[in-house]
Amino acid sequence: MSLSKLTLYEGKKGDIIRITHLGINGVMRRRLLDLGFVPGAVVEVIRKSPLGDPIAFRVSQTSIALRKEESQKIEGELIHYE
């Protein structure tokens, strides 16, 4: 079975994505790592705003909203979709 590669921004509501890469540096990278956005973590897309920004994700039992510019830089593999 081949897993689909995508960014968190490309995920749809209900998708479950395993993070493979964070393309963010500096303070924001540290903050995302502290929140649980680490390679190997499983993230669920909870809700997308009508215009697609921000998007709510669930990681490590916590709901977090990220802006488009951040979610486009986090890559992963789609492991479940609705």
PDB file of N, CA and C in Angstrom:
ATOM      1  N   MET A   1       0.847  -1.185   0.000  1.00  0.00           N
ATOM      2  CA  MET A   1       0.000   0.000   0.000  1.00  0.00           C
ATOM      3  C   MET A   1       0.887   1.241   0.000  1.00  0.00           C
ATOM      4  N   SER A   2       0.626   2.128  -0.910  1.00  0.00           N
ATOM      5  CA  SER A   2       1.400   3.365  -1.021  1.00  0.00           C
ATOM      6  C   SER A   2       0.680   4.485  -0.274  1.00  0.00           C
ATOM      7  N   LEU A   3       1.414   5.187   0.572  1.00  0.00           N
ATOM      8  CA  LEU A   3       0.826   6.291   1.321  1.00  0.00           C
ATOM      9  C   LEU A   3       0.961   7.581   0.517  1.00  0.00           C
ATOM     10  N   SER A   4      -0.083   8.393   0.533  1.00  0.00           N
ATOM     11  CA  SER A   4      -0.064   9.662  -0.182  1.00  0.00           C
ATOM     12  C   SER A   4       0.728  10.694   0.597  1.00  0.00           C
ATOM     13  N   LYS A   5       1.596  11.421  -0.105  1.00  0.00           N
ATOM     14  CA  LYS A   5       2.356  12.515   0.506  1.00  0.00           C
ATOM     15  C   LYS A   5       1.574  13.807   0.306  1.00  0.00           C
ATOM     16  N   LEU A   6       1.518  14.636   1.341  1.00  0.00           N
ATOM     17  CA  LEU A   6       0.834  15.913   1.248  1.00  0.00           C
ATOM     18  C   LEU A   6       1.270  16.816   2.388  1.00  0.00           C
ATOM     19  N   THR A   7       0.894  18.088   2.302  1.00  0.00           N
ATOM     20  CA  THR A   7       1.129  19.004   3.415  1.00  0.00           C
ATOM     21  C   THR A   7      -0.121  18.999   4.291  1.00  0.00           C
ATOM     22  N   LEU A   8       0.016  19.462   5.531  1.00  0.00           N
ATOM     23  CA  LEU A   8      -1.163  19.536   6.401  1.00  0.00           C
ATOM     24  C   LEU A   8      -2.227  20.425   5.779  1.00  0.00           C
ATOM     25  N   TYR A   9      -1.806  21.478   5.080  1.00  0.00           N
ATOM     26  CA  TYR A   9      -2.756  22.391   4.452  1.00  0.00           C
ATOM     27  C   TYR A   9      -3.627  21.673   3.413  1.00  0.00           C
ATOM     28  N   GLU A  10      -3.068  20.679   2.741  1.00  0.00           N
ATOM     29  CA  GLU A  10      -3.810  19.952   1.698  1.00  0.00           C
ATOM     30  C   GLU A  10      -4.785  18.923   2.271  1.00  0.00           C
ATOM     31  N   GLY A  11      -4.664  18.635   3.564  1.00  0.00           N
ATOM     32  CA  GLY A  11      -5.562  17.674   4.186  1.00  0.00           C
ATOM     33  C   GLY A  11      -6.998  18.174   4.220  1.00  0.00           C
ATOM     34  N   LYS A  12      -7.926  17.225   4.209  1.00  0.00           N
ATOM     35  CA  LYS A  12      -9.351  17.554   4.273  1.00  0.00           C
ATOM     36  C   LYS A  12      -9.887  17.145   5.645  1.00  0.00           C
ATOM     37  N   LYS A  13     -11.012  17.719   6.017  1.00  0.00           N
ATOM     38  CA  LYS A  13     -11.619  17.407   7.311  1.00  0.00           C
ATOM     39  C   LYS A  13     -11.757  15.895   7.471  1.00  0.00           C
ATOM     40  N   GLY A  14     -11.289  15.388   8.604  1.00  0.00           N
ATOM     41  CA  GLY A  14     -11.352  13.954   8.882  1.00  0.00           C
ATOM     42  C   GLY A  14     -10.101  13.190   8.496  1.00  0.00           C
ATOM     43  N   ASP A  15      -9.207  13.800   7.702  1.00  0.00           N
ATOM     44  CA  ASP A  15      -7.968  13.126   7.312  1.00  0.00           C
ATOM     45  C   ASP A  15      -7.055  12.943   8.522  1.00  0.00           C
ATOM     46  N   ILE A  16      -6.324  11.849   8.512  1.00  0.00           N
ATOM     47  CA  ILE A  16      -5.322  11.600   9.543  1.00  0.00           C
ATOM     48  C   ILE A  16      -3.972  11.479   8.832  1.00  0.00           C
ATOM     49  N   ILE A  17      -3.036  12.300   9.276  1.00  0.00           N
ATOM     50  CA  ILE A  17      -1.752  12.440   8.588  1.00  0.00           C
ATOM     51  C   ILE A  17      -0.621  12.194   9.580  1.00  0.00           C
ATOM     52  N   ARG A  18       0.365  11.396   9.166  1.00  0.00           N
ATOM     53  CA  ARG A  18       1.573  11.183   9.980  1.00  0.00           C
ATOM     54  C   ARG A  18       2.644  12.148   9.473  1.00  0.00           C
ATOM     55  N   ILE A  19       3.139  13.001  10.359  1.00  0.00           N
ATOM     56  CA  ILE A  19       4.124  14.011   9.978  1.00  0.00           C
ATOM     57  C   ILE A  19       5.447  13.349   9.605  1.00  0.00           C
ATOM     58  N   THR A  20       6.018  13.792   8.470  1.00  0.00           N
ATOM     59  CA  THR A  20       7.321  13.286   8.043  1.00  0.00           C
ATOM     60  C   THR A  20       8.391  14.375   8.046  1.00  0.00           C
ATOM     61  N   HIS A  21       7.984  15.646   7.905  1.00  0.00           N
ATOM     62  CA  HIS A  21       8.980  16.720   7.798  1.00  0.00           C
ATOM     63  C   HIS A  21       8.371  18.063   8.191  1.00  0.00           C
ATOM     64  N   LEU A  22       9.138  18.861   8.953  1.00  0.00           N
ATOM     65  CA  LEU A  22       8.761  20.248   9.268  1.00  0.00           C
ATOM     66  C   LEU A  22       9.710  21.176   8.529  1.00  0.00           C
ATOM     67  N   GLY A  23       9.187  21.955   7.603  1.00  0.00           N
ATOM     68  CA  GLY A  23      10.003  22.888   6.828  1.00  0.00           C
ATOM     69  C   GLY A  23       9.978  24.281   7.423  1.00  0.00           C
ATOM     70  N   ILE A  24       9.988  24.356   8.749  1.00  0.00           N
ATOM     71  CA  ILE A  24       9.913  25.630   9.468  1.00  0.00           C
ATOM     72  C   ILE A  24      11.126  25.715  10.385  1.00  0.00           C
ATOM     73  N   ASN A  25      11.711  26.904  10.491  1.00  0.00           N
ATOM     74  CA  ASN A  25      12.873  27.100  11.354  1.00  0.00           C
ATOM     75  C   ASN A  25      12.591  28.151  12.415  1.00  0.00           C
ATOM     76  N   GLY A  26      13.524  28.273  13.339  1.00  0.00           N
ATOM     77  CA  GLY A  26      13.460  29.342  14.329  1.00  0.00           C
ATOM     78  C   GLY A  26      12.459  29.107  15.442  1.00  0.00           C
ATOM     79  N   VAL A  27      11.933  30.204  15.971  1.00  0.00           N
ATOM     80  CA  VAL A  27      11.034  30.167  17.127  1.00  0.00           C
ATOM     81  C   VAL A  27       9.759  29.386  16.814  1.00  0.00           C
ATOM     82  N   MET A  28       9.231  29.568  15.623  1.00  0.00           N
ATOM     83  CA  MET A  28       7.991  28.871  15.256  1.00  0.00           C
ATOM     84  C   MET A  28       8.213  27.356  15.227  1.00  0.00           C
ATOM     85  N   ARG A  29       9.359  26.906  14.734  1.00  0.00           N
ATOM     86  CA  ARG A  29       9.660  25.469  14.724  1.00  0.00           C
ATOM     87  C   ARG A  29       9.673  24.930  16.160  1.00  0.00           C
ATOM     88  N   ARG A  30      10.348  25.633  17.049  1.00  0.00           N
ATOM     89  CA  ARG A  30      10.430  25.211  18.451  1.00  0.00           C
ATOM     90  C   ARG A  30       9.031  25.124  19.064  1.00  0.00           C
ATOM     91  N   ARG A  31       8.206  26.119  18.776  1.00  0.00           N
ATOM     92  CA  ARG A  31       6.845  26.150  19.312  1.00  0.00           C
ATOM     93  C   ARG A  31       6.022  24.963  18.804  1.00  0.00           C
ATOM     94  N   LEU A  32       6.118  24.688  17.496  1.00  0.00           N
ATOM     95  CA  LEU A  32       5.374  23.563  16.918  1.00  0.00           C
ATOM     96  C   LEU A  32       5.861  22.234  17.496  1.00  0.00           C
ATOM     97  N   LEU A  33       7.172  22.085  17.662  1.00  0.00           N
ATOM     98  CA  LEU A  33       7.706  20.855  18.262  1.00  0.00           C
ATOM     99  C   LEU A  33       7.175  20.687  19.682  1.00  0.00           C
ATOM    100  N   ASP A  34       7.150  21.785  20.444  1.00  0.00           N
ATOM    101  CA  ASP A  34       6.635  21.737  21.820  1.00  0.00           C
ATOM    102  C   ASP A  34       5.162  21.354  21.860  1.00  0.00           C
ATOM    103  N   LEU A  35       4.406  21.735  20.845  1.00  0.00           N
ATOM    104  CA  LEU A  35       2.972  21.437  20.787  1.00  0.00           C
ATOM    105  C   LEU A  35       2.697  20.007  20.304  1.00  0.00           C
ATOM    106  N   GLY A  36       3.726  19.305  19.847  1.00  0.00           N
ATOM    107  CA  GLY A  36       3.540  17.920  19.412  1.00  0.00           C
ATOM    108  C   GLY A  36       3.640  17.700  17.921  1.00  0.00           C
ATOM    109  N   PHE A  37       3.925  18.748  17.145  1.00  0.00           N
ATOM    110  CA  PHE A  37       4.086  18.597  15.696  1.00  0.00           C
ATOM    111  C   PHE A  37       5.511  18.134  15.408  1.00  0.00           C
ATOM    112  N   VAL A  38       5.768  16.851  15.679  1.00  0.00           N
ATOM    113  CA  VAL A  38       7.091  16.272  15.510  1.00  0.00           C
ATOM    114  C   VAL A  38       7.004  15.158  14.464  1.00  0.00           C
ATOM    115  N   PRO A  39       8.106  14.870  13.756  1.00  0.00           N
ATOM    116  CA  PRO A  39       8.075  13.758  12.800  1.00  0.00           C
ATOM    117  C   PRO A  39       7.610  12.474  13.479  1.00  0.00           C
ATOM    118  N   GLY A  40       6.672  11.788  12.849  1.00  0.00           N
ATOM    119  CA  GLY A  40       6.097  10.566  13.399  1.00  0.00           C
ATOM    120  C   GLY A  40       4.783  10.782  14.119  1.00  0.00           C
ATOM    121  N   ALA A  41       4.496  12.036  14.501  1.00  0.00           N
ATOM    122  CA  ALA A  41       3.234  12.330  15.193  1.00  0.00           C
ATOM    123  C   ALA A  41       2.057  12.183  14.228  1.00  0.00           C
ATOM    124  N   VAL A  42       0.928  11.767  14.776  1.00  0.00           N
ATOM    125  CA  VAL A  42      -0.294  11.606  13.987  1.00  0.00           C
ATOM    126  C   VAL A  42      -1.192  12.809  14.247  1.00  0.00           C
ATOM    127  N   VAL A  43      -1.619  13.442  13.154  1.00  0.00           N
ATOM    128  CA  VAL A  43      -2.410  14.669  13.220  1.00  0.00           C
ATOM    129  C   VAL A  43      -3.739  14.434  12.512  1.00  0.00           C
ATOM    130  N   GLU A  44      -4.832  14.883  13.134  1.00  0.00           N
ATOM    131  CA  GLU A  44      -6.151  14.815  12.496  1.00  0.00           C
ATOM    132  C   GLU A  44      -6.579  16.215  12.090  1.00  0.00           C
ATOM    133  N   VAL A  45      -7.100  16.329  10.866  1.00  0.00           N
ATOM    134  CA  VAL A  45      -7.655  17.610  10.410  1.00  0.00           C
ATOM    135  C   VAL A  45      -9.074  17.686  10.977  1.00  0.00           C
ATOM    136  N   ILE A  46      -9.308  18.649  11.874  1.00  0.00           N
ATOM    137  CA  ILE A  46     -10.603  18.760  12.540  1.00  0.00           C
ATOM    138  C   ILE A  46     -11.557  19.657  11.764  1.00  0.00           C
ATOM    139  N   ARG A  47     -11.075  20.834  11.383  1.00  0.00           N
ATOM    140  CA  ARG A  47     -11.964  21.815  10.770  1.00  0.00           C
ATOM    141  C   ARG A  47     -11.159  22.765   9.898  1.00  0.00           C
ATOM    142  N   LYS A  48     -11.737  23.101   8.743  1.00  0.00           N
ATOM    143  CA  LYS A  48     -11.137  24.106   7.859  1.00  0.00           C
ATOM    144  C   LYS A  48     -12.078  25.294   7.803  1.00  0.00           C
ATOM    145  N   SER A  49     -11.531  26.487   7.893  1.00  0.00           N
ATOM    146  CA  SER A  49     -12.345  27.698   7.746  1.00  0.00           C
ATOM    147  C   SER A  49     -12.852  27.775   6.317  1.00  0.00           C
ATOM    148  N   PRO A  50     -13.946  28.502   6.081  1.00  0.00           N
ATOM    149  CA  PRO A  50     -14.498  28.599   4.725  1.00  0.00           C
ATOM    150  C   PRO A  50     -13.470  29.057   3.686  1.00  0.00           C
ATOM    151  N   LEU A  51     -12.569  29.941   4.063  1.00  0.00           N
ATOM    152  CA  LEU A  51     -11.553  30.409   3.122  1.00  0.00           C
ATOM    153  C   LEU A  51     -10.247  29.621   3.247  1.00  0.00           C
ATOM    154  N   GLY A  52     -10.246  28.588   4.081  1.00  0.00           N
ATOM    155  CA  GLY A  52      -9.083  27.709   4.200  1.00  0.00           C
ATOM    156  C   GLY A  52      -8.003  28.188   5.144  1.00  0.00           C
ATOM    157  N   ASP A  53      -8.270  29.239   5.901  1.00  0.00           N
ATOM    158  CA  ASP A  53      -7.234  29.774   6.794  1.00  0.00           C
ATOM    159  C   ASP A  53      -7.890  30.418   8.001  1.00  0.00           C
ATOM    160  N   PRO A  54      -7.677  30.008   9.238  1.00  0.00           N
ATOM    161  CA  PRO A  54      -6.779  28.916   9.645  1.00  0.00           C
ATOM    162  C   PRO A  54      -7.462  27.553   9.569  1.00  0.00           C
ATOM    163  N   ILE A  55      -6.691  26.524   9.893  1.00  0.00           N
ATOM    164  CA  ILE A  55      -7.185  25.150   9.921  1.00  0.00           C
ATOM    165  C   ILE A  55      -6.949  24.601  11.321  1.00  0.00           C
ATOM    166  N   ALA A  56      -7.937  23.884  11.864  1.00  0.00           N
ATOM    167  CA  ALA A  56      -7.812  23.290  13.193  1.00  0.00           C
ATOM    168  C   ALA A  56      -7.340  21.845  13.057  1.00  0.00           C
ATOM    169  N   PHE A  57      -6.339  21.495  13.858  1.00  0.00           N
ATOM    170  CA  PHE A  57      -5.778  20.146  13.877  1.00  0.00           C
ATOM    171  C   PHE A  57      -5.822  19.594  15.290  1.00  0.00           C
ATOM    172  N   ARG A  58      -5.842  18.270  15.400  1.00  0.00           N
ATOM    173  CA  ARG A  58      -5.723  17.620  16.707  1.00  0.00           C
ATOM    174  C   ARG A  58      -4.418  16.826  16.688  1.00  0.00           C
ATOM    175  N   VAL A  59      -3.560  17.115  17.656  1.00  0.00           N
ATOM    176  CA  VAL A  59      -2.301  16.388  17.814  1.00  0.00           C
ATOM    177  C   VAL A  59      -2.079  16.214  19.310  1.00  0.00           C
ATOM    178  N   SER A  60      -1.705  15.034  19.723  1.00  0.00           N
ATOM    179  CA  SER A  60      -1.462  14.741  21.149  1.00  0.00           C
ATOM    180  C   SER A  60      -2.634  15.173  22.031  1.00  0.00           C
ATOM    181  N   GLN A  61      -3.856  14.847  21.636  1.00  0.00           N
ATOM    182  CA  GLN A  61      -5.069  15.146  22.421  1.00  0.00           C
ATOM    183  C   GLN A  61      -5.360  16.644  22.556  1.00  0.00           C
ATOM    184  N   THR A  62      -4.687  17.484  21.768  1.00  0.00           N
ATOM    185  CA  THR A  62      -4.867  18.930  21.840  1.00  0.00           C
ATOM    186  C   THR A  62      -5.317  19.458  20.486  1.00  0.00           C
ATOM    187  N   SER A  63      -6.244  20.395  20.502  1.00  0.00           N
ATOM    188  CA  SER A  63      -6.690  21.050  19.262  1.00  0.00           C
ATOM    189  C   SER A  63      -5.908  22.340  19.071  1.00  0.00           C
ATOM    190  N   ILE A  64      -5.353  22.514  17.878  1.00  0.00           N
ATOM    191  CA  ILE A  64      -4.514  23.670  17.575  1.00  0.00           C
ATOM    192  C   ILE A  64      -4.860  24.180  16.185  1.00  0.00           C
ATOM    193  N   ALA A  65      -5.014  25.497  16.058  1.00  0.00           N
ATOM    194  CA  ALA A  65      -5.267  26.106  14.751  1.00  0.00           C
ATOM    195  C   ALA A  65      -3.956  26.661  14.200  1.00  0.00           C
ATOM    196  N   LEU A  66      -3.681  26.344  12.936  1.00  0.00           N
ATOM    197  CA  LEU A  66      -2.493  26.864  12.270  1.00  0.00           C
ATOM    198  C   LEU A  66      -2.898  27.674  11.048  1.00  0.00           C
ATOM    199  N   ARG A  67      -2.110  28.689  10.752  1.00  0.00           N
ATOM    200  CA  ARG A  67      -2.341  29.479   9.547  1.00  0.00           C
ATOM    201  C   ARG A  67      -1.844  28.715   8.325  1.00  0.00           C
ATOM    202  N   LYS A  68      -2.309  29.146   7.167  1.00  0.00           N
ATOM    203  CA  LYS A  68      -1.933  28.521   5.902  1.00  0.00           C
ATOM    204  C   LYS A  68      -0.420  28.483   5.736  1.00  0.00           C
ATOM    205  N   GLU A  69       0.246  29.605   6.055  1.00  0.00           N
ATOM    206  CA  GLU A  69       1.695  29.668   5.835  1.00  0.00           C
ATOM    207  C   GLU A  69       2.462  28.633   6.653  1.00  0.00           C
ATOM    208  N   GLU A  70       1.953  28.266   7.830  1.00  0.00           N
ATOM    209  CA  GLU A  70       2.605  27.235   8.637  1.00  0.00           C
ATOM    210  C   GLU A  70       2.224  25.837   8.166  1.00  0.00           C
ATOM    211  N   SER A  71       0.939  25.621   7.943  1.00  0.00           N
ATOM    212  CA  SER A  71       0.481  24.271   7.590  1.00  0.00           C
ATOM    213  C   SER A  71       0.978  23.825   6.215  1.00  0.00           C
ATOM    214  N   GLN A  72       1.342  24.767   5.346  1.00  0.00           N
ATOM    215  CA  GLN A  72       1.893  24.405   4.040  1.00  0.00           C
ATOM    216  C   GLN A  72       3.324  23.889   4.148  1.00  0.00           C
ATOM    217  N   LYS A  73       3.992  24.151   5.270  1.00  0.00           N
ATOM    218  CA  LYS A  73       5.392  23.764   5.433  1.00  0.00           C
ATOM    219  C   LYS A  73       5.570  22.493   6.252  1.00  0.00           C
ATOM    220  N   ILE A  74       4.453  21.874   6.649  1.00  0.00           N
ATOM    221  CA  ILE A  74       4.517  20.624   7.402  1.00  0.00           C
ATOM    222  C   ILE A  74       4.041  19.505   6.480  1.00  0.00           C
ATOM    223  N   GLU A  75       4.925  18.575   6.196  1.00  0.00           N
ATOM    224  CA  GLU A  75       4.621  17.498   5.253  1.00  0.00           C
ATOM    225  C   GLU A  75       4.353  16.196   5.993  1.00  0.00           C
ATOM    226  N   GLY A  76       3.545  15.355   5.357  1.00  0.00           N
ATOM    227  CA  GLY A  76       3.236  14.083   5.986  1.00  0.00           C
ATOM    228  C   GLY A  76       2.695  13.072   4.997  1.00  0.00           C
ATOM    229  N   GLU A  77       2.277  11.930   5.537  1.00  0.00           N
ATOM    230  CA  GLU A  77       1.684  10.854   4.760  1.00  0.00           C
ATOM    231  C   GLU A  77       0.250  10.667   5.223  1.00  0.00           C
ATOM    232  N   LEU A  78      -0.641  10.582   4.274  1.00  0.00           N
ATOM    233  CA  LEU A  78      -2.058  10.354   4.575  1.00  0.00           C
ATOM    234  C   LEU A  78      -2.241   8.899   4.976  1.00  0.00           C
ATOM    235  N   ILE A  79      -2.646   8.668   6.239  1.00  0.00           N
ATOM    236  CA  ILE A  79      -2.807   7.277   6.689  1.00  0.00           C
ATOM    237  C   ILE A  79      -4.274   6.889   6.836  1.00  0.00           C
ATOM    238  N   HIS A  80      -5.181   7.882   6.822  1.00  0.00           N
ATOM    239  CA  HIS A  80      -6.622   7.600   6.869  1.00  0.00           C
ATOM    240  C   HIS A  80      -7.346   8.817   6.345  1.00  0.00           C
ATOM    241  N   TYR A  81      -8.388   8.558   5.578  1.00  0.00           N
ATOM    242  CA  TYR A  81      -9.181   9.671   5.074  1.00  0.00           C
ATOM    243  C   TYR A  81     -10.646   9.269   5.066  1.00  0.00           C
ATOM    244  N   GLU A  82     -11.520  10.296   5.117  1.00  0.00           N
ATOM    245  CA  GLU A  82     -12.964  10.039   5.092  1.00  0.00           C
ATOM    246  C   GLU A  82     -13.505  10.252   3.706  1.00  0.00           C
TER     247      GLU A  82
END
